[in-house]
């Protein structure tokens, strides 16, 4: 089984998660938000499974740098998804898919 890890490589939480999974001997597939797009269908799955409140990182720099108007978009699921797809750094990291079981923000496995 391959564990899929989504995030950005210089994120401390992503690094910790990758190290933890490697130490367990897991096979890892890494999806770099900075270099690869995110399929809207995958985002839909995450929103359904995790919820927008858990998915959006409201403590990060990307969120803080948004205008108040853009922040207001995050209240509507469809507008929030469009906002996330334009600003992938809004996603709390890492998102980990272990055989269909999703976790977010977890660094120890």
Protein backbone atom coordinates (compact mmCIF):
# COMPACT_ATOMS: atom_id res chain seq x y z
CA UNK A 1 0.00 0.00 0.00
CA UNK A 2 1.26 3.47 -0.90
CA UNK A 3 0.45 6.36 1.41
CA UNK A 4 -0.30 9.61 -0.43
CA UNK A 5 0.91 12.78 1.27
CA UNK A 6 -0.24 16.18 0.00
CA UNK A 7 1.51 19.40 0.99
CA UNK A 8 4.52 21.56 0.32
CA UNK A 9 8.05 20.24 0.86
CA UNK A 10 9.33 23.06 3.06
CA UNK A 11 6.42 22.84 5.55
CA UNK A 12 7.57 21.61 8.97
CA UNK A 13 4.41 19.57 9.55
CA UNK A 14 4.77 17.87 6.17
CA UNK A 15 8.42 17.04 6.90
CA UNK A 16 7.49 15.51 10.27
CA UNK A 17 4.72 13.43 8.69
CA UNK A 18 7.01 12.19 5.91
CA UNK A 19 9.71 11.27 8.45
CA UNK A 20 7.19 9.43 10.62
CA UNK A 21 5.82 7.46 7.67
CA UNK A 22 9.33 6.64 6.41
CA UNK A 23 10.33 5.42 9.88
CA UNK A 24 7.36 3.04 9.78
CA UNK A 25 8.59 1.72 6.43
CA UNK A 26 5.61 3.05 4.47
CA UNK A 27 5.77 3.51 0.72
CA UNK A 28 5.05 7.21 0.12
CA UNK A 29 3.77 9.15 -2.87
CA UNK A 30 4.23 12.91 -2.32
CA UNK A 31 2.04 15.49 -4.06
CA UNK A 32 3.64 18.93 -3.99
CA UNK A 33 1.02 21.71 -4.06
CA UNK A 34 3.63 24.15 -5.37
CA UNK A 35 4.42 22.06 -8.45
CA UNK A 36 1.25 20.08 -9.12
CA UNK A 37 -2.33 21.19 -9.44
CA UNK A 38 -5.06 19.65 -7.33
CA UNK A 39 -7.98 18.02 -9.11
CA UNK A 40 -11.27 19.70 -8.20
CA UNK A 41 -12.81 16.24 -7.74
CA UNK A 42 -10.19 15.40 -5.11
CA UNK A 43 -10.89 18.66 -3.30
CA UNK A 44 -14.61 17.79 -3.36
CA UNK A 45 -13.81 14.47 -1.69
CA UNK A 46 -11.71 16.19 0.97
CA UNK A 47 -14.42 18.75 1.70
CA UNK A 48 -17.04 16.01 2.03
CA UNK A 49 -14.83 13.85 4.21
CA UNK A 50 -12.98 16.44 6.32
CA UNK A 51 -15.17 19.54 6.11
CA UNK A 52 -14.14 23.07 5.18
CA UNK A 53 -13.51 24.09 8.78
CA UNK A 54 -10.83 21.44 9.16
CA UNK A 55 -9.45 21.82 5.64
CA UNK A 56 -8.82 25.57 5.55
CA UNK A 57 -5.78 26.76 7.48
CA UNK A 58 -7.06 29.98 9.03
CA UNK A 59 -3.88 30.46 11.06
CA UNK A 60 -1.44 30.57 8.17
CA UNK A 61 0.12 33.46 6.30
CA UNK A 62 -1.89 32.80 3.15
CA UNK A 63 -5.17 33.21 5.05
CA UNK A 64 -3.97 36.32 6.88
CA UNK A 65 -2.95 37.92 3.57
CA UNK A 66 -6.39 37.45 1.99
CA UNK A 67 -8.72 40.41 1.71
CA UNK A 68 -11.79 40.43 3.93
CA UNK A 69 -13.89 39.86 0.81
CA UNK A 70 -11.92 36.71 -0.04
CA UNK A 71 -12.16 35.48 3.55
CA UNK A 72 -15.94 35.89 3.34
CA UNK A 73 -15.95 33.55 0.32
CA UNK A 74 -14.78 30.74 2.59
CA UNK A 75 -18.25 30.64 4.17
CA UNK A 76 -19.85 29.23 1.02
CA UNK A 77 -18.67 25.71 0.08
CA UNK A 78 -18.56 26.33 -3.66
CA UNK A 79 -16.82 29.70 -3.36
CA UNK A 80 -14.44 28.28 -0.74
CA UNK A 81 -13.43 25.47 -3.09
CA UNK A 82 -12.71 27.98 -5.88
CA UNK A 83 -10.68 30.07 -3.42
CA UNK A 84 -8.70 27.00 -2.31
CA UNK A 85 -7.97 25.96 -5.89
CA UNK A 86 -6.55 29.46 -6.54
CA UNK A 87 -4.57 29.39 -3.27
CA UNK A 88 -3.55 25.81 -2.51
CA UNK A 89 -1.53 27.02 0.46
CA UNK A 90 -4.86 27.59 2.22
CA UNK A 91 -5.09 23.84 2.79
CA UNK A 92 -4.02 22.73 6.24
CA UNK A 93 -1.07 20.37 5.85
CA UNK A 94 -0.36 17.61 5.49
CA UNK A 95 -3.34 15.83 4.00
CA UNK A 96 -2.60 12.11 4.17
CA UNK A 97 -4.52 9.38 2.38
CA UNK A 98 -3.82 5.96 3.85
CA UNK A 99 -5.81 3.48 1.80
CA UNK A 100 -8.80 5.83 1.56
CA UNK A 101 -8.64 7.00 5.18
CA UNK A 102 -7.95 10.74 5.24
CA UNK A 103 -6.20 12.69 7.96
CA UNK A 104 -5.19 16.31 8.04
CA UNK A 105 -2.55 18.12 10.07
CA UNK A 106 -1.33 14.90 11.63
CA UNK A 107 2.44 14.51 11.89
CA UNK A 108 2.83 11.19 13.77
CA UNK A 109 1.80 7.87 12.23
